[in-house]
Amino acid sequence: MLNIRFLIRLFSLIHQVVYRLSGGRIGSQIVGAPVLLLTSKGRKSGKTRTTPLLYLDEGRNWIVAGSNAGDDRHPAWWLNLKAQPEATVQIGDTLMRVRAREASEEEKNLLWPRFVDMYADYEVYQQRTTRKIPIVILEPESN
């Protein structure tokens, strides 16, 4: 039996390559939800890492959930952002510098139902794990 983490990484890699090569024309949606590419610096390796993520568009900000498909461990991209919150987001063919922060409990209470409406499996993921799935706000950096 193939390791599920390996399959997720493989799908992620293929997705980001196709997304980038097509300028977001292919891969900008999964299961009817919008997808962005988040690139952050590895907290241990210092290498850049890119992950495709479902997101909510919230005015000037983009909101992502650190679900890790309900795994008991936080996704590496979230741990990387906690160590160094500066990152890059690609939406379509547009690249933007962002700064990440965890949503407050009040913000999360407002945003979580929107994630579940967008993709019902988020609720399944939360039930699968004992950790609180973080909601992460990606705020554009001023130039």
N, C-alpha and C. Protein backbone atom coordinates (compact mmCIF):
# COMPACT_ATOMS: atom_id res chain seq x y z
N MET A 1 0.84 -1.19 0.00
CA MET A 1 0.00 0.00 0.00
C MET A 1 0.88 1.25 0.00
N LEU A 2 0.57 2.19 -0.88
CA LEU A 2 1.34 3.42 -0.97
C LEU A 2 1.06 4.32 0.23
N ASN A 3 2.06 5.00 0.66
CA ASN A 3 1.97 5.94 1.75
C ASN A 3 1.14 7.16 1.31
N ILE A 4 0.12 7.52 2.09
CA ILE A 4 -0.77 8.64 1.73
C ILE A 4 0.00 9.96 1.68
N ARG A 5 0.98 10.14 2.58
CA ARG A 5 1.76 11.38 2.57
C ARG A 5 2.55 11.50 1.27
N PHE A 6 3.09 10.37 0.80
CA PHE A 6 3.82 10.37 -0.47
C PHE A 6 2.90 10.79 -1.61
N LEU A 7 1.69 10.23 -1.63
CA LEU A 7 0.74 10.56 -2.69
C LEU A 7 0.34 12.03 -2.65
N ILE A 8 0.14 12.57 -1.45
CA ILE A 8 -0.21 13.99 -1.31
C ILE A 8 0.93 14.86 -1.82
N ARG A 9 2.17 14.51 -1.46
CA ARG A 9 3.33 15.29 -1.94
C ARG A 9 3.45 15.22 -3.45
N LEU A 10 3.26 14.02 -4.01
CA LEU A 10 3.35 13.85 -5.45
C LEU A 10 2.28 14.67 -6.16
N PHE A 11 1.03 14.57 -5.70
CA PHE A 11 -0.05 15.35 -6.30
C PHE A 11 0.24 16.84 -6.19
N SER A 12 0.76 17.27 -5.03
CA SER A 12 1.09 18.68 -4.82
C SER A 12 2.14 19.16 -5.81
N LEU A 13 3.17 18.36 -6.00
CA LEU A 13 4.24 18.73 -6.93
C LEU A 13 3.72 18.83 -8.36
N ILE A 14 2.97 17.85 -8.79
CA ILE A 14 2.41 17.89 -10.14
C ILE A 14 1.48 19.09 -10.29
N HIS A 15 0.66 19.33 -9.29
CA HIS A 15 -0.28 20.45 -9.33
C HIS A 15 0.45 21.78 -9.48
N GLN A 16 1.48 21.99 -8.65
CA GLN A 16 2.16 23.29 -8.72
C GLN A 16 2.90 23.48 -10.03
N VAL A 17 3.47 22.42 -10.59
CA VAL A 17 4.16 22.54 -11.88
C VAL A 17 3.17 22.92 -12.98
N VAL A 18 2.05 22.24 -13.03
CA VAL A 18 1.04 22.53 -14.05
C VAL A 18 0.47 23.93 -13.85
N TYR A 19 0.19 24.30 -12.60
CA TYR A 19 -0.34 25.63 -12.28
C TYR A 19 0.62 26.71 -12.78
N ARG A 20 1.91 26.56 -12.43
CA ARG A 20 2.90 27.57 -12.83
C ARG A 20 3.08 27.64 -14.34
N LEU A 21 3.21 26.48 -14.99
CA LEU A 21 3.41 26.46 -16.44
C LEU A 21 2.24 27.07 -17.19
N SER A 22 1.04 26.91 -16.66
CA SER A 22 -0.15 27.43 -17.33
C SER A 22 -0.55 28.82 -16.85
N GLY A 23 0.24 29.40 -15.95
CA GLY A 23 -0.13 30.71 -15.40
C GLY A 23 -1.44 30.65 -14.62
N GLY A 24 -1.72 29.49 -14.05
CA GLY A 24 -2.94 29.33 -13.26
C GLY A 24 -4.18 29.00 -14.07
N ARG A 25 -4.04 28.90 -15.40
CA ARG A 25 -5.21 28.55 -16.21
C ARG A 25 -5.64 27.11 -15.94
N ILE A 26 -4.67 26.25 -15.58
CA ILE A 26 -4.96 24.87 -15.20
C ILE A 26 -4.57 24.73 -13.73
N GLY A 27 -5.48 24.23 -12.93
CA GLY A 27 -5.18 23.99 -11.52
C GLY A 27 -5.60 25.09 -10.58
N SER A 28 -6.27 26.11 -11.12
CA SER A 28 -6.68 27.22 -10.25
C SER A 28 -7.94 26.89 -9.44
N GLN A 29 -8.51 25.71 -9.68
CA GLN A 29 -9.65 25.24 -8.89
C GLN A 29 -9.54 23.73 -8.69
N ILE A 30 -9.94 23.31 -7.49
CA ILE A 30 -10.09 21.89 -7.18
C ILE A 30 -11.44 21.76 -6.49
N VAL A 31 -12.20 20.78 -6.85
CA VAL A 31 -13.54 20.53 -6.28
C VAL A 31 -14.37 21.81 -6.22
N GLY A 32 -14.21 22.66 -7.24
CA GLY A 32 -14.99 23.90 -7.31
C GLY A 32 -14.49 25.02 -6.41
N ALA A 33 -13.37 24.82 -5.72
CA ALA A 33 -12.82 25.84 -4.83
C ALA A 33 -11.54 26.43 -5.43
N PRO A 34 -11.29 27.72 -5.18
CA PRO A 34 -10.09 28.34 -5.74
C PRO A 34 -8.82 27.85 -5.06
N VAL A 35 -7.73 27.83 -5.86
CA VAL A 35 -6.44 27.35 -5.38
C VAL A 35 -5.38 28.43 -5.62
N LEU A 36 -4.54 28.63 -4.62
CA LEU A 36 -3.36 29.48 -4.76
C LEU A 36 -2.13 28.64 -4.50
N LEU A 37 -1.00 29.15 -4.91
CA LEU A 37 0.28 28.52 -4.58
C LEU A 37 0.96 29.36 -3.51
N LEU A 38 1.29 28.74 -2.39
CA LEU A 38 1.97 29.41 -1.29
C LEU A 38 3.42 28.95 -1.27
N THR A 39 4.35 29.90 -1.33
CA THR A 39 5.77 29.57 -1.28
C THR A 39 6.35 30.21 -0.03
N SER A 40 6.93 29.37 0.82
CA SER A 40 7.54 29.84 2.06
C SER A 40 8.94 29.23 2.18
N LYS A 41 9.68 29.71 3.16
CA LYS A 41 11.03 29.21 3.37
C LYS A 41 11.00 28.15 4.46
N GLY A 42 11.65 27.01 4.20
CA GLY A 42 11.73 25.93 5.18
C GLY A 42 12.42 26.38 6.44
N ARG A 43 11.81 26.12 7.58
CA ARG A 43 12.36 26.58 8.86
C ARG A 43 13.66 25.89 9.21
N LYS A 44 13.87 24.69 8.73
CA LYS A 44 15.11 23.95 9.02
C LYS A 44 16.08 24.02 7.84
N SER A 45 15.58 23.79 6.64
CA SER A 45 16.45 23.71 5.47
C SER A 45 16.79 25.07 4.87
N GLY A 46 15.89 26.04 5.05
CA GLY A 46 16.07 27.34 4.41
C GLY A 46 15.69 27.33 2.94
N LYS A 47 15.28 26.17 2.41
CA LYS A 47 14.87 26.06 1.01
C LYS A 47 13.43 26.53 0.85
N THR A 48 13.13 27.05 -0.34
CA THR A 48 11.75 27.45 -0.58
C THR A 48 10.90 26.22 -0.86
N ARG A 49 9.69 26.27 -0.36
CA ARG A 49 8.73 25.17 -0.51
C ARG A 49 7.42 25.77 -1.01
N THR A 50 6.81 25.11 -1.98
CA THR A 50 5.55 25.59 -2.55
C THR A 50 4.47 24.55 -2.34
N THR A 51 3.30 25.04 -1.93
CA THR A 51 2.16 24.17 -1.66
C THR A 51 0.90 24.76 -2.28
N PRO A 52 0.15 23.98 -3.06
CA PRO A 52 -1.16 24.45 -3.52
C PRO A 52 -2.17 24.32 -2.37
N LEU A 53 -2.95 25.38 -2.17
CA LEU A 53 -3.93 25.40 -1.08
C LEU A 53 -5.25 25.99 -1.54
N LEU A 54 -6.35 25.43 -1.04
CA LEU A 54 -7.65 26.07 -1.23
C LEU A 54 -7.64 27.35 -0.41
N TYR A 55 -8.35 28.37 -0.90
CA TYR A 55 -8.34 29.63 -0.15
C TYR A 55 -9.67 30.36 -0.27
N LEU A 56 -9.86 31.26 0.67
CA LEU A 56 -10.97 32.20 0.64
C LEU A 56 -10.39 33.57 0.31
N ASP A 57 -11.06 34.31 -0.54
CA ASP A 57 -10.67 35.68 -0.87
C ASP A 57 -11.43 36.58 0.09
N GLU A 58 -10.71 37.31 0.91
CA GLU A 58 -11.32 38.14 1.95
C GLU A 58 -10.82 39.56 1.79
N GLY A 59 -11.42 40.29 0.86
CA GLY A 59 -10.98 41.67 0.62
C GLY A 59 -9.58 41.68 0.06
N ARG A 60 -8.66 42.31 0.79
CA ARG A 60 -7.26 42.36 0.36
C ARG A 60 -6.49 41.11 0.78
N ASN A 61 -7.05 40.29 1.66
CA ASN A 61 -6.34 39.14 2.22
C ASN A 61 -6.83 37.83 1.60
N TRP A 62 -5.98 36.81 1.76
CA TRP A 62 -6.34 35.46 1.36
C TRP A 62 -6.26 34.59 2.60
N ILE A 63 -7.21 33.70 2.75
CA ILE A 63 -7.32 32.90 3.96
C ILE A 63 -7.15 31.42 3.58
N VAL A 64 -6.30 30.72 4.32
CA VAL A 64 -6.07 29.29 4.10
C VAL A 64 -6.23 28.55 5.42
N ALA A 65 -6.48 27.24 5.32
CA ALA A 65 -6.65 26.40 6.50
C ALA A 65 -5.54 25.37 6.56
N GLY A 66 -4.95 25.22 7.74
CA GLY A 66 -3.87 24.25 7.94
C GLY A 66 -4.40 22.88 8.32
N SER A 67 -5.22 22.31 7.44
CA SER A 67 -5.91 21.06 7.77
C SER A 67 -5.01 19.84 7.73
N ASN A 68 -4.07 19.81 6.78
CA ASN A 68 -3.20 18.65 6.58
C ASN A 68 -4.03 17.37 6.48
N ALA A 69 -5.20 17.49 5.84
CA ALA A 69 -6.13 16.37 5.62
C ALA A 69 -6.51 15.65 6.91
N GLY A 70 -6.49 16.39 8.02
CA GLY A 70 -6.89 15.80 9.30
C GLY A 70 -5.79 15.06 10.02
N ASP A 71 -4.56 15.16 9.55
CA ASP A 71 -3.43 14.53 10.22
C ASP A 71 -3.24 15.18 11.59
N ASP A 72 -2.69 14.44 12.55
CA ASP A 72 -2.46 15.00 13.88
C ASP A 72 -1.29 15.98 13.92
N ARG A 73 -0.55 16.09 12.83
CA ARG A 73 0.54 17.05 12.76
C ARG A 73 0.13 18.25 11.91
N HIS A 74 0.61 19.41 12.31
CA HIS A 74 0.38 20.60 11.49
C HIS A 74 1.11 20.43 10.17
N PRO A 75 0.59 21.04 9.10
CA PRO A 75 1.31 20.98 7.83
C PRO A 75 2.63 21.74 7.93
N ALA A 76 3.62 21.26 7.21
CA ALA A 76 4.96 21.87 7.25
C ALA A 76 4.90 23.35 6.86
N TRP A 77 4.05 23.68 5.87
CA TRP A 77 4.00 25.07 5.43
C TRP A 77 3.57 25.99 6.58
N TRP A 78 2.69 25.51 7.46
CA TRP A 78 2.25 26.35 8.58
C TRP A 78 3.38 26.50 9.60
N LEU A 79 4.09 25.43 9.88
CA LEU A 79 5.23 25.52 10.81
C LEU A 79 6.29 26.45 10.24
N ASN A 80 6.50 26.39 8.93
CA ASN A 80 7.45 27.29 8.28
C ASN A 80 7.02 28.75 8.42
N LEU A 81 5.73 29.01 8.21
CA LEU A 81 5.23 30.38 8.32
C LEU A 81 5.29 30.90 9.76
N LYS A 82 5.10 30.03 10.72
CA LYS A 82 5.21 30.45 12.12
C LYS A 82 6.63 30.89 12.43
N ALA A 83 7.61 30.21 11.83
CA ALA A 83 9.01 30.56 12.04
C ALA A 83 9.41 31.80 11.25
N GLN A 84 8.86 31.93 10.04
CA GLN A 84 9.16 33.09 9.18
C GLN A 84 7.90 33.42 8.39
N PRO A 85 7.13 34.42 8.83
CA PRO A 85 5.82 34.68 8.24
C PRO A 85 5.81 35.29 6.84
N GLU A 86 6.96 35.72 6.33
CA GLU A 86 7.00 36.28 4.99
C GLU A 86 6.97 35.14 3.98
N ALA A 87 6.13 35.33 2.94
CA ALA A 87 5.96 34.30 1.92
C ALA A 87 5.53 34.95 0.62
N THR A 88 5.32 34.11 -0.38
CA THR A 88 4.81 34.56 -1.68
C THR A 88 3.58 33.75 -2.02
N VAL A 89 2.61 34.41 -2.61
CA VAL A 89 1.38 33.76 -3.07
C VAL A 89 1.29 33.96 -4.57
N GLN A 90 0.92 32.91 -5.28
CA GLN A 90 0.61 33.03 -6.71
C GLN A 90 -0.85 32.69 -6.89
N ILE A 91 -1.58 33.64 -7.48
CA ILE A 91 -2.97 33.41 -7.86
C ILE A 91 -3.05 33.71 -9.35
N GLY A 92 -3.38 32.67 -10.12
CA GLY A 92 -3.31 32.82 -11.57
C GLY A 92 -1.87 33.05 -11.96
N ASP A 93 -1.62 34.11 -12.73
CA ASP A 93 -0.24 34.40 -13.10
C ASP A 93 0.34 35.56 -12.30
N THR A 94 -0.34 35.95 -11.22
CA THR A 94 0.10 37.07 -10.39
C THR A 94 0.80 36.58 -9.13
N LEU A 95 1.99 37.11 -8.89
CA LEU A 95 2.75 36.82 -7.67
C LEU A 95 2.65 38.00 -6.71
N MET A 96 2.45 37.69 -5.43
CA MET A 96 2.35 38.73 -4.42
C MET A 96 3.12 38.32 -3.17
N ARG A 97 3.80 39.28 -2.56
CA ARG A 97 4.44 39.03 -1.27
C ARG A 97 3.41 39.21 -0.18
N VAL A 98 3.43 38.28 0.79
CA VAL A 98 2.45 38.32 1.88
C VAL A 98 3.15 38.09 3.22
N ARG A 99 2.43 38.42 4.25
CA ARG A 99 2.85 38.13 5.63
C ARG A 99 1.71 37.33 6.26
N ALA A 100 2.06 36.22 6.88
CA ALA A 100 1.06 35.31 7.44
C ALA A 100 0.87 35.57 8.94
N ARG A 101 -0.37 35.36 9.37
CA ARG A 101 -0.66 35.38 10.80
C ARG A 101 -1.83 34.45 11.05
N GLU A 102 -1.87 33.89 12.25
CA GLU A 102 -2.97 33.01 12.61
C GLU A 102 -4.18 33.86 12.96
N ALA A 103 -5.34 33.43 12.50
CA ALA A 103 -6.58 34.14 12.81
C ALA A 103 -6.86 34.04 14.30
N SER A 104 -7.42 35.10 14.84
CA SER A 104 -7.86 35.07 16.24
C SER A 104 -9.04 34.11 16.35
N GLU A 105 -9.40 33.75 17.56
CA GLU A 105 -10.57 32.87 17.76
C GLU A 105 -11.82 33.49 17.16
N GLU A 106 -11.98 34.78 17.33
CA GLU A 106 -13.15 35.48 16.78
C GLU A 106 -13.15 35.40 15.26
N GLU A 107 -12.01 35.66 14.64
CA GLU A 107 -11.90 35.56 13.18
C GLU A 107 -12.16 34.13 12.72
N LYS A 108 -11.57 33.17 13.43
CA LYS A 108 -11.74 31.77 13.05
C LYS A 108 -13.21 31.36 13.13
N ASN A 109 -13.91 31.81 14.16
CA ASN A 109 -15.33 31.48 14.30
C ASN A 109 -16.16 32.00 13.13
N LEU A 110 -15.74 33.10 12.53
CA LEU A 110 -16.42 33.66 11.36
C LEU A 110 -16.00 32.96 10.07
N LEU A 111 -14.72 32.58 9.97
CA LEU A 111 -14.18 32.03 8.73
C LEU A 111 -14.38 30.53 8.58
N TRP A 112 -14.32 29.77 9.67
CA TRP A 112 -14.41 28.31 9.58
C TRP A 112 -15.66 27.84 8.84
N PRO A 113 -16.86 28.37 9.15
CA PRO A 113 -18.04 27.92 8.40
C PRO A 113 -17.93 28.17 6.89
N ARG A 114 -17.24 29.22 6.50
CA ARG A 114 -17.05 29.49 5.07
C ARG A 114 -16.15 28.44 4.42
N PHE A 115 -15.15 27.96 5.15
CA PHE A 115 -14.31 26.88 4.63
C PHE A 115 -15.13 25.61 4.45
N VAL A 116 -15.96 25.30 5.44
CA VAL A 116 -16.78 24.09 5.37
C VAL A 116 -17.80 24.22 4.23
N ASP A 117 -18.35 25.40 4.01
CA ASP A 117 -19.27 25.62 2.89
C ASP A 117 -18.55 25.43 1.56
N MET A 118 -17.31 25.88 1.49
CA MET A 118 -16.53 25.77 0.26
C MET A 118 -16.13 24.31 -0.01
N TYR A 119 -15.76 23.59 1.07
CA TYR A 119 -15.26 22.23 0.93
C TYR A 119 -15.62 21.47 2.21
N ALA A 120 -16.67 20.68 2.15
CA ALA A 120 -17.25 20.04 3.34
C ALA A 120 -16.26 19.13 4.06
N ASP A 121 -15.25 18.60 3.37
CA ASP A 121 -14.30 17.71 4.02
C ASP A 121 -13.48 18.39 5.11
N TYR A 122 -13.45 19.72 5.14
CA TYR A 122 -12.76 20.39 6.24
C TYR A 122 -13.34 19.96 7.58
N GLU A 123 -14.64 19.79 7.65
CA GLU A 123 -15.27 19.34 8.89
C GLU A 123 -14.84 17.91 9.22
N VAL A 124 -14.72 17.06 8.20
CA VAL A 124 -14.23 15.70 8.40
C VAL A 124 -12.80 15.74 8.92
N TYR A 125 -11.97 16.61 8.35
CA TYR A 125 -10.58 16.73 8.79
C TYR A 125 -10.51 17.14 10.27
N GLN A 126 -11.36 18.09 10.68
CA GLN A 126 -11.33 18.52 12.08
C GLN A 126 -11.76 17.39 13.02
N GLN A 127 -12.70 16.58 12.57
CA GLN A 127 -13.14 15.45 13.40
C GLN A 127 -12.08 14.35 13.48
N ARG A 128 -11.22 14.28 12.46
CA ARG A 128 -10.19 13.25 12.39
C ARG A 128 -9.02 13.51 13.34
N THR A 129 -8.85 14.74 13.78
CA THR A 129 -7.68 15.10 14.57
C THR A 129 -8.08 15.75 15.89
N THR A 130 -7.20 15.68 16.87
CA THR A 130 -7.45 16.34 18.15
C THR A 130 -6.88 17.76 18.17
N ARG A 131 -6.03 18.10 17.20
CA ARG A 131 -5.47 19.46 17.17
C ARG A 131 -6.48 20.42 16.57
N LYS A 132 -6.35 21.67 16.93
CA LYS A 132 -7.18 22.70 16.31
C LYS A 132 -6.57 23.07 14.97
N ILE A 133 -7.35 22.97 13.93
CA ILE A 133 -6.86 23.35 12.60
C ILE A 133 -6.74 24.86 12.54
N PRO A 134 -5.54 25.36 12.28
CA PRO A 134 -5.37 26.81 12.24
C PRO A 134 -5.95 27.42 10.96
N ILE A 135 -6.50 28.59 11.10
CA ILE A 135 -6.90 29.42 9.97
C ILE A 135 -5.81 30.49 9.85
N VAL A 136 -5.27 30.62 8.66
CA VAL A 136 -4.13 31.50 8.44
C VAL A 136 -4.52 32.62 7.49
N ILE A 137 -4.24 33.84 7.90
CA ILE A 137 -4.55 35.02 7.10
C ILE A 137 -3.25 35.47 6.43
N LEU A 138 -3.31 35.56 5.10
CA LEU A 138 -2.18 36.01 4.29
C LEU A 138 -2.45 37.43 3.88
N GLU A 139 -1.70 38.36 4.47
CA GLU A 139 -1.90 39.79 4.21
C GLU A 139 -0.84 40.29 3.24
N PRO A 140 -1.25 41.01 2.19
CA PRO A 140 -0.25 41.51 1.24
C PRO A 140 0.70 42.50 1.92
N GLU A 141 1.98 42.41 1.56
CA GLU A 141 2.96 43.34 2.09
C GLU A 141 2.96 44.60 1.25
N SER A 142 3.11 45.72 1.90
CA SER A 142 3.19 47.00 1.18
C SER A 142 4.57 47.13 0.58
N ASN A 143 4.63 47.72 -0.59
CA ASN A 143 5.94 47.94 -1.24
C ASN A 143 6.47 49.28 -0.90
